[in-house]
Amino acid sequence: MEESCVPTGVELKNTGFGYTLSLINGKYKMIILYWLAENKVLRHNELRRNIGSISFKTLSVMLKELEADGLIIRKEFPQVPPKVEYSLSERGISLIPLLDMMCDWGMKNGSLSSEAEAEAAQRQA
């Protein structure tokens, strides 16, 4: 039998599941990782434009946290005006299959899924 990812009696933060959640937890972190996976390299304002509903400060905080966690790489170019680019690190790239699986699950089980709609209608009947 396979070992539980969150064994009984163990605090969530002390598990692999809890650790992964701590890295991607937050309203925008997975979205930032997604855009970097799609575009390879983006600048701060490009990320902000793609996300749409994020403030400059919030994006800056999220990028600093993702960099501190080793999920993205910040490359600064010594020029005027300053130029900074963000990309996924190898560690960040290793999370992309997880994001892809979440996307697939959402497509199959979300409101767009006719199968999910049929199951919901069946439960209501």
C-alpha atoms as a PDB file:
ATOM      1  CA  MET A   1       0.000   0.000   0.000  1.00  0.00           C
ATOM      2  CA  GLU A   2       1.271   3.472  -0.888  1.00  0.00           C
ATOM      3  CA  GLU A   3       2.236   5.803   1.945  1.00  0.00           C
ATOM      4  CA  SER A   4      -0.076   8.767   2.541  1.00  0.00           C
ATOM      5  CA  CYS A   5       1.221  12.145   1.450  1.00  0.00           C
ATOM      6  CA  VAL A   6      -0.244  13.642   4.637  1.00  0.00           C
ATOM      7  CA  PRO A   7       0.069  10.920   7.306  1.00  0.00           C
ATOM      8  CA  THR A   8      -2.191  11.060  10.362  1.00  0.00           C
ATOM      9  CA  GLY A   9      -0.629  12.976  13.227  1.00  0.00           C
ATOM     10  CA  VAL A  10       1.851  14.883  11.056  1.00  0.00           C
ATOM     11  CA  GLU A  11       1.414  18.619  10.578  1.00  0.00           C
ATOM     12  CA  LEU A  12       0.668  19.513   6.964  1.00  0.00           C
ATOM     13  CA  LYS A  13       3.629  21.922   6.829  1.00  0.00           C
ATOM     14  CA  ASN A  14       5.967  19.005   7.623  1.00  0.00           C
ATOM     15  CA  THR A  15       4.915  16.957   4.579  1.00  0.00           C
ATOM     16  CA  GLY A  16       5.888  17.001   0.923  1.00  0.00           C
ATOM     17  CA  PHE A  17       2.369  18.146   0.096  1.00  0.00           C
ATOM     18  CA  GLY A  18       2.628  21.021   2.578  1.00  0.00           C
ATOM     19  CA  TYR A  19       6.027  22.021   1.233  1.00  0.00           C
ATOM     20  CA  THR A  20       4.760  22.127  -2.351  1.00  0.00           C
ATOM     21  CA  LEU A  21       1.751  24.192  -1.272  1.00  0.00           C
ATOM     22  CA  SER A  22       4.034  26.625   0.544  1.00  0.00           C
ATOM     23  CA  LEU A  23       5.922  27.281  -2.708  1.00  0.00           C
ATOM     24  CA  ILE A  24       2.908  27.816  -4.968  1.00  0.00           C
ATOM     25  CA  ASN A  25       0.479  29.187  -2.382  1.00  0.00           C
ATOM     26  CA  GLY A  26      -0.804  32.636  -3.151  1.00  0.00           C
ATOM     27  CA  LYS A  27      -3.243  34.123  -5.570  1.00  0.00           C
ATOM     28  CA  TYR A  28      -0.713  34.817  -8.323  1.00  0.00           C
ATOM     29  CA  LYS A  29       2.262  32.461  -7.988  1.00  0.00           C
ATOM     30  CA  MET A  30       0.898  29.695 -10.192  1.00  0.00           C
ATOM     31  CA  ILE A  31      -0.246  32.272 -12.751  1.00  0.00           C
ATOM     32  CA  ILE A  32       3.249  33.802 -12.837  1.00  0.00           C
ATOM     33  CA  LEU A  33       4.794  30.344 -13.280  1.00  0.00           C
ATOM     34  CA  TYR A  34       2.299  29.609 -16.062  1.00  0.00           C
ATOM     35  CA  TRP A  35       3.122  32.802 -17.993  1.00  0.00           C
ATOM     36  CA  LEU A  36       6.852  32.188 -17.645  1.00  0.00           C
ATOM     37  CA  ALA A  37       6.402  28.606 -18.871  1.00  0.00           C
ATOM     38  CA  GLU A  38       4.447  29.875 -21.885  1.00  0.00           C
ATOM     39  CA  ASN A  39       6.825  32.715 -22.788  1.00  0.00           C
ATOM     40  CA  LYS A  40      10.231  31.549 -21.472  1.00  0.00           C
ATOM     41  CA  VAL A  41      11.369  35.096 -20.559  1.00  0.00           C
ATOM     42  CA  LEU A  42       9.264  38.068 -19.475  1.00  0.00           C
ATOM     43  CA  ARG A  43       9.890  41.483 -17.991  1.00  0.00           C
ATOM     44  CA  HIS A  44       7.979  42.838 -14.992  1.00  0.00           C
ATOM     45  CA  ASN A  45       5.533  44.943 -17.022  1.00  0.00           C
ATOM     46  CA  GLU A  46       4.927  42.125 -19.515  1.00  0.00           C
ATOM     47  CA  LEU A  47       3.985  39.823 -16.645  1.00  0.00           C
ATOM     48  CA  ARG A  48       1.755  42.507 -15.170  1.00  0.00           C
ATOM     49  CA  ARG A  49       0.000  43.040 -18.515  1.00  0.00           C
ATOM     50  CA  ASN A  50      -0.539  39.299 -18.990  1.00  0.00           C
ATOM     51  CA  ILE A  51      -1.952  38.823 -15.492  1.00  0.00           C
ATOM     52  CA  GLY A  52      -4.067  41.951 -15.682  1.00  0.00           C
ATOM     53  CA  SER A  53      -5.434  42.270 -12.157  1.00  0.00           C
ATOM     54  CA  ILE A  54      -2.196  42.446 -10.139  1.00  0.00           C
ATOM     55  CA  SER A  55      -0.657  45.568  -8.628  1.00  0.00           C
ATOM     56  CA  PHE A  56       2.959  46.526  -9.241  1.00  0.00           C
ATOM     57  CA  LYS A  57       3.830  45.925  -5.565  1.00  0.00           C
ATOM     58  CA  THR A  58       2.077  42.556  -5.335  1.00  0.00           C
ATOM     59  CA  LEU A  59       3.829  41.326  -8.469  1.00  0.00           C
ATOM     60  CA  SER A  60       7.172  42.501  -7.079  1.00  0.00           C
ATOM     61  CA  VAL A  61       6.556  40.629  -3.801  1.00  0.00           C
ATOM     62  CA  MET A  62       5.484  37.433  -5.613  1.00  0.00           C
ATOM     63  CA  LEU A  63       8.537  37.559  -7.894  1.00  0.00           C
ATOM     64  CA  LYS A  64      10.871  38.031  -4.918  1.00  0.00           C
ATOM     65  CA  GLU A  65       9.293  35.058  -3.121  1.00  0.00           C
ATOM     66  CA  LEU A  66       9.488  32.844  -6.209  1.00  0.00           C
ATOM     67  CA  GLU A  67      13.122  33.841  -6.683  1.00  0.00           C
ATOM     68  CA  ALA A  68      13.931  33.173  -3.003  1.00  0.00           C
ATOM     69  CA  ASP A  69      12.327  29.727  -3.352  1.00  0.00           C
ATOM     70  CA  GLY A  70      14.508  29.002  -6.385  1.00  0.00           C
ATOM     71  CA  LEU A  71      11.606  28.728  -8.833  1.00  0.00           C
ATOM     72  CA  ILE A  72      12.478  31.670 -11.059  1.00  0.00           C
ATOM     73  CA  ILE A  73      15.646  33.422 -12.172  1.00  0.00           C
ATOM     74  CA  ARG A  74      15.931  37.198 -12.138  1.00  0.00           C
ATOM     75  CA  LYS A  75      18.449  38.533 -14.641  1.00  0.00           C
ATOM     76  CA  GLU A  76      19.402  42.192 -14.373  1.00  0.00           C
ATOM     77  CA  PHE A  77      21.074  43.991 -17.252  1.00  0.00           C
ATOM     78  CA  PRO A  78      23.384  46.926 -16.394  1.00  0.00           C
ATOM     79  CA  GLN A  79      21.907  49.567 -18.655  1.00  0.00           C
ATOM     80  CA  VAL A  80      19.853  52.749 -18.552  1.00  0.00           C
ATOM     81  CA  PRO A  81      16.939  52.434 -18.195  1.00  0.00           C
ATOM     82  CA  PRO A  82      17.330  49.296 -16.065  1.00  0.00           C
ATOM     83  CA  LYS A  83      16.223  46.037 -17.658  1.00  0.00           C
ATOM     84  CA  VAL A  84      15.249  42.959 -15.658  1.00  0.00           C
ATOM     85  CA  GLU A  85      14.025  39.669 -17.111  1.00  0.00           C
ATOM     86  CA  TYR A  86      12.433  36.727 -15.351  1.00  0.00           C
ATOM     87  CA  SER A  87      12.497  33.093 -16.405  1.00  0.00           C
ATOM     88  CA  LEU A  88      11.878  29.711 -14.836  1.00  0.00           C
ATOM     89  CA  SER A  89      14.744  27.933 -13.110  1.00  0.00           C
ATOM     90  CA  GLU A  90      15.193  24.181 -13.532  1.00  0.00           C
ATOM     91  CA  ARG A  91      13.333  23.794 -10.243  1.00  0.00           C
ATOM     92  CA  GLY A  92      10.499  25.970 -11.557  1.00  0.00           C
ATOM     93  CA  ILE A  93      10.354  24.007 -14.794  1.00  0.00           C
ATOM     94  CA  SER A  94       9.927  20.839 -12.731  1.00  0.00           C
ATOM     95  CA  LEU A  95       6.602  22.246 -11.408  1.00  0.00           C
ATOM     96  CA  ILE A  96       5.100  22.734 -14.876  1.00  0.00           C
ATOM     97  CA  PRO A  97       3.805  19.145 -15.225  1.00  0.00           C
ATOM     98  CA  LEU A  98       1.873  19.732 -11.988  1.00  0.00           C
ATOM     99  CA  LEU A  99       0.334  22.915 -13.441  1.00  0.00           C
ATOM    100  CA  ASP A 100      -0.463  21.042 -16.662  1.00  0.00           C
ATOM    101  CA  MET A 101      -2.243  18.324 -14.675  1.00  0.00           C
ATOM    102  CA  MET A 102      -4.253  21.008 -12.841  1.00  0.00           C
ATOM    103  CA  CYS A 103      -5.231  22.502 -16.200  1.00  0.00           C
ATOM    104  CA  ASP A 104      -6.280  19.094 -17.542  1.00  0.00           C
ATOM    105  CA  TRP A 105      -8.305  18.386 -14.409  1.00  0.00           C
ATOM    106  CA  GLY A 106     -10.039  21.753 -14.688  1.00  0.00           C
ATOM    107  CA  MET A 107     -10.919  21.154 -18.329  1.00  0.00           C
ATOM    108  CA  LYS A 108     -12.380  17.737 -17.497  1.00  0.00           C
ATOM    109  CA  ASN A 109     -14.162  18.727 -14.288  1.00  0.00           C
ATOM    110  CA  GLY A 110     -14.861  22.430 -14.599  1.00  0.00           C
ATOM    111  CA  SER A 111     -18.042  24.142 -15.652  1.00  0.00           C
ATOM    112  CA  LEU A 112     -17.031  23.679 -19.308  1.00  0.00           C
ATOM    113  CA  SER A 113     -17.135  19.912 -18.952  1.00  0.00           C
ATOM    114  CA  SER A 114     -20.372  18.367 -20.217  1.00  0.00           C
ATOM    115  CA  GLU A 115     -19.575  15.257 -18.158  1.00  0.00           C
ATOM    116  CA  ALA A 116     -19.347  17.384 -14.990  1.00  0.00           C
ATOM    117  CA  GLU A 117     -22.647  19.090 -15.889  1.00  0.00           C
ATOM    118  CA  ALA A 118     -24.316  15.706 -16.393  1.00  0.00           C
ATOM    119  CA  GLU A 119     -23.028  14.468 -13.019  1.00  0.00           C
ATOM    120  CA  ALA A 120     -24.296  17.632 -11.268  1.00  0.00           C
ATOM    121  CA  ALA A 121     -27.726  17.270 -12.911  1.00  0.00           C
ATOM    122  CA  GLN A 122     -27.846  13.635 -11.825  1.00  0.00           C
ATOM    123  CA  ARG A 123     -27.071  14.577  -8.203  1.00  0.00           C
ATOM    124  CA  GLN A 124     -29.821  17.222  -8.206  1.00  0.00           C
ATOM    125  CA  ALA A 125     -32.433  14.775  -9.565  1.00  0.00           C
END
